[in-house]
């Protein structure tokens, strides 16, 4: 995760930030499993990375508030 987020255990509230990310990732994997793994491994991986690095608001366009594709590559 360090290559995507410059987090350090010395940061204030570090344990809360890590717990938030872990809970979100676990929740996504749980839903993915419940939905019969309807996304490929690459798609769920890209989604998880993008949500951690960019956050949910990165998927909402400011002009229309329409969600963008959640499986967009992290490098775009």
PDB file of N, CA and C in Angstrom:
ATOM      1  N   UNK A   1       0.818  -1.189   0.000  1.00  0.00           N
ATOM      2  CA  UNK A   1       0.000   0.000   0.000  1.00  0.00           C
ATOM      3  C   UNK A   1       0.862   1.253   0.000  1.00  0.00           C
ATOM      4  N   UNK A   2       2.072   1.160   0.516  1.00  0.00           N
ATOM      5  CA  UNK A   2       2.932   2.329   0.613  1.00  0.00           C
ATOM      6  C   UNK A   2       3.235   2.955  -0.736  1.00  0.00           C
ATOM      7  N   UNK A   3       3.239   2.149  -1.773  1.00  0.00           N
ATOM      8  CA  UNK A   3       3.556   2.727  -3.075  1.00  0.00           C
ATOM      9  C   UNK A   3       2.398   3.585  -3.585  1.00  0.00           C
ATOM     10  N   UNK A   4       1.185   3.387  -3.080  1.00  0.00           N
ATOM     11  CA  UNK A   4       0.029   4.178  -3.491  1.00  0.00           C
ATOM     12  C   UNK A   4      -0.276   5.292  -2.504  1.00  0.00           C
ATOM     13  N   UNK A   5      -0.119   5.014  -1.224  1.00  0.00           N
ATOM     14  CA  UNK A   5      -0.437   5.998  -0.188  1.00  0.00           C
ATOM     15  C   UNK A   5       0.765   6.177   0.721  1.00  0.00           C
ATOM     16  N   UNK A   6       1.212   7.404   0.874  1.00  0.00           N
ATOM     17  CA  UNK A   6       2.370   7.640   1.742  1.00  0.00           C
ATOM     18  C   UNK A   6       1.950   7.663   3.221  1.00  0.00           C
ATOM     19  N   UNK A   7       1.617   6.508   3.752  1.00  0.00           N
ATOM     20  CA  UNK A   7       1.187   6.415   5.148  1.00  0.00           C
ATOM     21  C   UNK A   7       2.352   5.985   6.020  1.00  0.00           C
ATOM     22  N   UNK A   8       2.360   6.488   7.233  1.00  0.00           N
ATOM     23  CA  UNK A   8       3.396   6.137   8.193  1.00  0.00           C
ATOM     24  C   UNK A   8       2.748   5.906   9.548  1.00  0.00           C
ATOM     25  N   UNK A   9       3.213   4.925  10.297  1.00  0.00           N
ATOM     26  CA  UNK A   9       2.662   4.675  11.628  1.00  0.00           C
ATOM     27  C   UNK A   9       2.798   5.876  12.562  1.00  0.00           C
ATOM     28  N   UNK A  10       3.645   6.822  12.210  1.00  0.00           N
ATOM     29  CA  UNK A  10       3.824   8.022  13.028  1.00  0.00           C
ATOM     30  C   UNK A  10       2.740   9.070  12.794  1.00  0.00           C
ATOM     31  N   UNK A  11       1.933   8.888  11.775  1.00  0.00           N
ATOM     32  CA  UNK A  11       0.883   9.862  11.457  1.00  0.00           C
ATOM     33  C   UNK A  11      -0.212   9.828  12.522  1.00  0.00           C
ATOM     34  N   UNK A  12      -0.811  10.987  12.799  1.00  0.00           N
ATOM     35  CA  UNK A  12      -1.945  10.993  13.724  1.00  0.00           C
ATOM     36  C   UNK A  12      -3.074  10.128  13.175  1.00  0.00           C
ATOM     37  N   UNK A  13      -3.687   9.346  14.011  1.00  0.00           N
ATOM     38  CA  UNK A  13      -4.832   8.501  13.653  1.00  0.00           C
ATOM     39  C   UNK A  13      -4.509   7.432  12.617  1.00  0.00           C
ATOM     40  N   UNK A  14      -3.258   7.056  12.522  1.00  0.00           N
ATOM     41  CA  UNK A  14      -2.828   6.041  11.558  1.00  0.00           C
ATOM     42  C   UNK A  14      -3.648   4.762  11.695  1.00  0.00           C
ATOM     43  N   UNK A  15      -3.866   4.311  12.925  1.00  0.00           N
ATOM     44  CA  UNK A  15      -4.595   3.065  13.137  1.00  0.00           C
ATOM     45  C   UNK A  15      -6.025   3.154  12.633  1.00  0.00           C
ATOM     46  N   UNK A  16      -6.639   4.326  12.707  1.00  0.00           N
ATOM     47  CA  UNK A  16      -7.995   4.507  12.178  1.00  0.00           C
ATOM     48  C   UNK A  16      -7.995   4.462  10.646  1.00  0.00           C
ATOM     49  N   UNK A  17      -6.987   5.075  10.046  1.00  0.00           N
ATOM     50  CA  UNK A  17      -6.905   5.071   8.587  1.00  0.00           C
ATOM     51  C   UNK A  17      -6.717   3.652   8.053  1.00  0.00           C
ATOM     52  N   UNK A  18      -5.837   2.892   8.672  1.00  0.00           N
ATOM     53  CA  UNK A  18      -5.589   1.524   8.233  1.00  0.00           C
ATOM     54  C   UNK A  18      -6.835   0.664   8.440  1.00  0.00           C
ATOM     55  N   UNK A  19      -7.500   0.842   9.563  1.00  0.00           N
ATOM     56  CA  UNK A  19      -8.723   0.081   9.827  1.00  0.00           C
ATOM     57  C   UNK A  19      -9.806   0.403   8.800  1.00  0.00           C
ATOM     58  N   UNK A  20      -9.922   1.670   8.426  1.00  0.00           N
ATOM     59  CA  UNK A  20     -10.891   2.091   7.409  1.00  0.00           C
ATOM     60  C   UNK A  20     -10.616   1.389   6.080  1.00  0.00           C
ATOM     61  N   UNK A  21      -9.368   1.412   5.644  1.00  0.00           N
ATOM     62  CA  UNK A  21      -9.003   0.789   4.374  1.00  0.00           C
ATOM     63  C   UNK A  21      -9.230  -0.721   4.440  1.00  0.00           C
ATOM     64  N   UNK A  22      -8.793  -1.353   5.528  1.00  0.00           N
ATOM     65  CA  UNK A  22      -8.981  -2.800   5.664  1.00  0.00           C
ATOM     66  C   UNK A  22     -10.449  -3.182   5.644  1.00  0.00           C
ATOM     67  N   UNK A  23     -11.276  -2.442   6.356  1.00  0.00           N
ATOM     68  CA  UNK A  23     -12.713  -2.736   6.390  1.00  0.00           C
ATOM     69  C   UNK A  23     -13.350  -2.570   5.017  1.00  0.00           C
ATOM     70  N   UNK A  24     -12.947  -1.521   4.309  1.00  0.00           N
ATOM     71  CA  UNK A  24     -13.488  -1.282   2.972  1.00  0.00           C
ATOM     72  C   UNK A  24     -13.092  -2.410   2.015  1.00  0.00           C
ATOM     73  N   UNK A  25     -11.841  -2.817   2.057  1.00  0.00           N
ATOM     74  CA  UNK A  25     -11.368  -3.878   1.169  1.00  0.00           C
ATOM     75  C   UNK A  25     -12.055  -5.200   1.487  1.00  0.00           C
ATOM     76  N   UNK A  26     -12.181  -5.518   2.755  1.00  0.00           N
ATOM     77  CA  UNK A  26     -12.864  -6.744   3.143  1.00  0.00           C
ATOM     78  C   UNK A  26     -14.316  -6.711   2.671  1.00  0.00           C
ATOM     79  N   UNK A  27     -14.976  -5.582   2.838  1.00  0.00           N
ATOM     80  CA  UNK A  27     -16.363  -5.441   2.404  1.00  0.00           C
ATOM     81  C   UNK A  27     -16.516  -5.634   0.903  1.00  0.00           C
ATOM     82  N   UNK A  28     -15.593  -5.069   0.133  1.00  0.00           N
ATOM     83  CA  UNK A  28     -15.653  -5.245  -1.323  1.00  0.00           C
ATOM     84  C   UNK A  28     -15.456  -6.699  -1.714  1.00  0.00           C
ATOM     85  N   UNK A  29     -14.489  -7.363  -1.090  1.00  0.00           N
ATOM     86  CA  UNK A  29     -14.261  -8.775  -1.406  1.00  0.00           C
ATOM     87  C   UNK A  29     -15.449  -9.636  -0.998  1.00  0.00           C
ATOM     88  N   UNK A  30     -16.056  -9.303   0.116  1.00  0.00           N
ATOM     89  CA  UNK A  30     -17.228 -10.050   0.578  1.00  0.00           C
ATOM     90  C   UNK A  30     -18.384  -9.889  -0.415  1.00  0.00           C
ATOM     91  N   UNK A  31     -18.647  -8.664  -0.859  1.00  0.00           N
ATOM     92  CA  UNK A  31     -19.708  -8.421  -1.831  1.00  0.00           C
ATOM     93  C   UNK A  31     -19.402  -9.110  -3.152  1.00  0.00           C
ATOM     94  N   UNK A  32     -18.168  -9.016  -3.596  1.00  0.00           N
ATOM     95  CA  UNK A  32     -17.750  -9.657  -4.844  1.00  0.00           C
ATOM     96  C   UNK A  32     -18.017 -11.154  -4.784  1.00  0.00           C
ATOM     97  N   UNK A  33     -17.702 -11.766  -3.656  1.00  0.00           N
ATOM     98  CA  UNK A  33     -17.948 -13.196  -3.472  1.00  0.00           C
ATOM     99  C   UNK A  33     -19.446 -13.497  -3.463  1.00  0.00           C
ATOM    100  N   UNK A  34     -20.226 -12.674  -2.755  1.00  0.00           N
ATOM    101  CA  UNK A  34     -21.683 -12.867  -2.695  1.00  0.00           C
ATOM    102  C   UNK A  34     -22.333 -12.739  -4.066  1.00  0.00           C
ATOM    103  N   UNK A  35     -21.748 -11.896  -4.931  1.00  0.00           N
ATOM    104  CA  UNK A  35     -22.302 -11.694  -6.271  1.00  0.00           C
ATOM    105  C   UNK A  35     -21.749 -12.705  -7.273  1.00  0.00           C
ATOM    106  N   UNK A  36     -21.140 -13.758  -6.756  1.00  0.00           N
ATOM    107  CA  UNK A  36     -20.641 -14.812  -7.640  1.00  0.00           C
ATOM    108  C   UNK A  36     -19.412 -14.406  -8.430  1.00  0.00           C
ATOM    109  N   UNK A  37     -18.636 -13.512  -7.889  1.00  0.00           N
ATOM    110  CA  UNK A  37     -17.411 -13.032  -8.541  1.00  0.00           C
ATOM    111  C   UNK A  37     -17.717 -12.561  -9.958  1.00  0.00           C
ATOM    112  N   UNK A  38     -18.693 -11.640 -10.032  1.00  0.00           N
ATOM    113  CA  UNK A  38     -19.161 -11.134 -11.316  1.00  0.00           C
ATOM    114  C   UNK A  38     -18.153 -10.244 -12.034  1.00  0.00           C
ATOM    115  N   UNK A  39     -17.115  -9.819 -11.348  1.00  0.00           N
ATOM    116  CA  UNK A  39     -16.020  -9.082 -11.970  1.00  0.00           C
ATOM    117  C   UNK A  39     -14.814 -10.011 -12.051  1.00  0.00           C
ATOM    118  N   UNK A  40     -13.971  -9.781 -13.030  1.00  0.00           N
ATOM    119  CA  UNK A  40     -12.743 -10.569 -13.116  1.00  0.00           C
ATOM    120  C   UNK A  40     -11.808 -10.165 -11.981  1.00  0.00           C
ATOM    121  N   UNK A  41     -10.799 -10.966 -11.747  1.00  0.00           N
ATOM    122  CA  UNK A  41      -9.806 -10.652 -10.723  1.00  0.00           C
ATOM    123  C   UNK A  41      -9.144  -9.303 -11.023  1.00  0.00           C
ATOM    124  N   UNK A  42      -8.882  -9.049 -12.293  1.00  0.00           N
ATOM    125  CA  UNK A  42      -8.258  -7.781 -12.681  1.00  0.00           C
ATOM    126  C   UNK A  42      -9.185  -6.606 -12.408  1.00  0.00           C
ATOM    127  N   UNK A  43     -10.486  -6.777 -12.683  1.00  0.00           N
ATOM    128  CA  UNK A  43     -11.446  -5.699 -12.458  1.00  0.00           C
ATOM    129  C   UNK A  43     -11.624  -5.385 -10.972  1.00  0.00           C
ATOM    130  N   UNK A  44     -11.762  -6.404 -10.140  1.00  0.00           N
ATOM    131  CA  UNK A  44     -11.945  -6.149  -8.711  1.00  0.00           C
ATOM    132  C   UNK A  44     -10.675  -5.562  -8.119  1.00  0.00           C
ATOM    133  N   UNK A  45      -9.541  -6.008  -8.612  1.00  0.00           N
ATOM    134  CA  UNK A  45      -8.252  -5.478  -8.147  1.00  0.00           C
ATOM    135  C   UNK A  45      -8.111  -4.000  -8.491  1.00  0.00           C
ATOM    136  N   UNK A  46      -8.422  -3.647  -9.733  1.00  0.00           N
ATOM    137  CA  UNK A  46      -8.343  -2.252 -10.168  1.00  0.00           C
ATOM    138  C   UNK A  46      -9.328  -1.387  -9.380  1.00  0.00           C
ATOM    139  N   UNK A  47     -10.523  -1.899  -9.164  1.00  0.00           N
ATOM    140  CA  UNK A  47     -11.526  -1.166  -8.396  1.00  0.00           C
ATOM    141  C   UNK A  47     -11.024  -0.889  -6.983  1.00  0.00           C
ATOM    142  N   UNK A  48     -10.491  -1.897  -6.346  1.00  0.00           N
ATOM    143  CA  UNK A  48     -10.004  -1.741  -4.974  1.00  0.00           C
ATOM    144  C   UNK A  48      -8.855  -0.733  -4.919  1.00  0.00           C
ATOM    145  N   UNK A  49      -7.919  -0.850  -5.829  1.00  0.00           N
ATOM    146  CA  UNK A  49      -6.790   0.089  -5.850  1.00  0.00           C
ATOM    147  C   UNK A  49      -7.256   1.511  -6.090  1.00  0.00           C
ATOM    148  N   UNK A  50      -8.150   1.687  -7.047  1.00  0.00           N
ATOM    149  CA  UNK A  50      -8.651   3.025  -7.362  1.00  0.00           C
ATOM    150  C   UNK A  50      -9.401   3.642  -6.190  1.00  0.00           C
ATOM    151  N   UNK A  51     -10.227   2.861  -5.535  1.00  0.00           N
ATOM    152  CA  UNK A  51     -10.981   3.402  -4.410  1.00  0.00           C
ATOM    153  C   UNK A  51     -10.070   3.787  -3.251  1.00  0.00           C
ATOM    154  N   UNK A  52      -9.023   3.015  -3.018  1.00  0.00           N
ATOM    155  CA  UNK A  52      -8.087   3.351  -1.947  1.00  0.00           C
ATOM    156  C   UNK A  52      -7.301   4.611  -2.305  1.00  0.00           C
ATOM    157  N   UNK A  53      -6.796   4.677  -3.515  1.00  0.00           N
ATOM    158  CA  UNK A  53      -5.927   5.782  -3.902  1.00  0.00           C
ATOM    159  C   UNK A  53      -6.715   7.052  -4.210  1.00  0.00           C
ATOM    160  N   UNK A  54      -7.778   6.931  -4.987  1.00  0.00           N
ATOM    161  CA  UNK A  54      -8.519   8.113  -5.442  1.00  0.00           C
ATOM    162  C   UNK A  54      -9.742   8.436  -4.600  1.00  0.00           C
ATOM    163  N   UNK A  55     -10.317   7.438  -3.995  1.00  0.00           N
ATOM    164  CA  UNK A  55     -11.530   7.657  -3.221  1.00  0.00           C
ATOM    165  C   UNK A  55     -12.772   7.610  -4.097  1.00  0.00           C
ATOM    166  N   UNK A  56     -13.906   7.537  -3.463  1.00  0.00           N
ATOM    167  CA  UNK A  56     -15.175   7.420  -4.175  1.00  0.00           C
ATOM    168  C   UNK A  56     -15.482   8.642  -5.038  1.00  0.00           C
ATOM    169  N   UNK A  57     -15.123   9.816  -4.560  1.00  0.00           N
ATOM    170  CA  UNK A  57     -15.448  11.034  -5.302  1.00  0.00           C
ATOM    171  C   UNK A  57     -14.743  11.109  -6.660  1.00  0.00           C
ATOM    172  N   UNK A  58     -13.694  10.360  -6.841  1.00  0.00           N
ATOM    173  CA  UNK A  58     -13.003  10.349  -8.130  1.00  0.00           C
ATOM    174  C   UNK A  58     -13.864   9.722  -9.223  1.00  0.00           C
ATOM    175  N   UNK A  59     -14.897   9.016  -8.834  1.00  0.00           N
ATOM    176  CA  UNK A  59     -15.771   8.352  -9.803  1.00  0.00           C
ATOM    177  C   UNK A  59     -17.019   9.153 -10.123  1.00  0.00           C
ATOM    178  N   UNK A  60     -17.150  10.309  -9.545  1.00  0.00           N
ATOM    179  CA  UNK A  60     -18.321  11.152  -9.790  1.00  0.00           C
ATOM    180  C   UNK A  60     -17.851  12.345 -10.619  1.00  0.00           C
ATOM    181  N   UNK A  61     -18.482  12.554 -11.769  1.00  0.00           N
ATOM    182  CA  UNK A  61     -18.105  13.701 -12.584  1.00  0.00           C
ATOM    183  C   UNK A  61     -18.777  14.945 -12.015  1.00  0.00           C
ATOM    184  N   UNK A  62     -18.062  16.042 -11.911  1.00  0.00           N
ATOM    185  CA  UNK A  62     -18.627  17.237 -11.284  1.00  0.00           C
ATOM    186  C   UNK A  62     -19.810  17.828 -12.042  1.00  0.00           C
ATOM    187  N   UNK A  63     -19.815  17.732 -13.368  1.00  0.00           N
ATOM    188  CA  UNK A  63     -20.879  18.366 -14.140  1.00  0.00           C
ATOM    189  C   UNK A  63     -22.200  17.601 -14.107  1.00  0.00           C
ATOM    190  N   UNK A  64     -22.150  16.304 -14.069  1.00  0.00           N
ATOM    191  CA  UNK A  64     -23.402  15.547 -14.149  1.00  0.00           C
ATOM    192  C   UNK A  64     -23.692  14.694 -12.923  1.00  0.00           C
ATOM    193  N   UNK A  65     -22.693  14.507 -12.071  1.00  0.00           N
ATOM    194  CA  UNK A  65     -22.806  13.622 -10.916  1.00  0.00           C
ATOM    195  C   UNK A  65     -23.178  12.199 -11.303  1.00  0.00           C
ATOM    196  N   UNK A  66     -22.829  11.838 -12.535  1.00  0.00           N
ATOM    197  CA  UNK A  66     -23.022  10.464 -12.994  1.00  0.00           C
ATOM    198  C   UNK A  66     -21.778   9.667 -12.644  1.00  0.00           C
ATOM    199  N   UNK A  67     -21.952   8.476 -12.082  1.00  0.00           N
ATOM    200  CA  UNK A  67     -20.779   7.669 -11.737  1.00  0.00           C
ATOM    201  C   UNK A  67     -19.993   7.253 -12.971  1.00  0.00           C
ATOM    202  N   UNK A  68     -18.676   7.293 -12.858  1.00  0.00           N
ATOM    203  CA  UNK A  68     -17.804   6.776 -13.905  1.00  0.00           C
ATOM    204  C   UNK A  68     -17.664   5.276 -13.693  1.00  0.00           C
ATOM    205  N   UNK A  69     -17.068   4.604 -14.653  1.00  0.00           N
ATOM    206  CA  UNK A  69     -16.809   3.181 -14.509  1.00  0.00           C
ATOM    207  C   UNK A  69     -15.894   2.960 -13.324  1.00  0.00           C
ATOM    208  N   UNK A  70     -16.239   1.996 -12.478  1.00  0.00           N
ATOM    209  CA  UNK A  70     -15.440   1.734 -11.283  1.00  0.00           C
ATOM    210  C   UNK A  70     -14.238   0.853 -11.559  1.00  0.00           C
ATOM    211  N   UNK A  71     -14.155   0.274 -12.736  1.00  0.00           N
ATOM    212  CA  UNK A  71     -13.040  -0.630 -13.016  1.00  0.00           C
ATOM    213  C   UNK A  71     -11.948   0.030 -13.841  1.00  0.00           C
ATOM    214  N   UNK A  72     -11.955   1.360 -13.913  1.00  0.00           N
ATOM    215  CA  UNK A  72     -10.958   2.088 -14.664  1.00  0.00           C
ATOM    216  C   UNK A  72      -9.575   1.870 -14.053  1.00  0.00           C
ATOM    217  N   UNK A  73      -8.591   1.785 -14.879  1.00  0.00           N
ATOM    218  CA  UNK A  73      -7.222   1.556 -14.407  1.00  0.00           C
ATOM    219  C   UNK A  73      -6.748   2.697 -13.511  1.00  0.00           C
ATOM    220  N   UNK A  74      -5.936   2.358 -12.548  1.00  0.00           N
ATOM    221  CA  UNK A  74      -5.397   3.336 -11.610  1.00  0.00           C
ATOM    222  C   UNK A  74      -4.472   4.329 -12.313  1.00  0.00           C
ATOM    223  N   UNK A  75      -3.935   3.949 -13.460  1.00  0.00           N
ATOM    224  CA  UNK A  75      -2.987   4.802 -14.177  1.00  0.00           C
ATOM    225  C   UNK A  75      -3.655   5.796 -15.103  1.00  0.00           C
ATOM    226  N   UNK A  76      -4.965   5.796 -15.179  1.00  0.00           N
ATOM    227  CA  UNK A  76      -5.657   6.723 -16.086  1.00  0.00           C
ATOM    228  C   UNK A  76      -5.846   8.062 -15.431  1.00  0.00           C
TER     229      UNK A  76
END
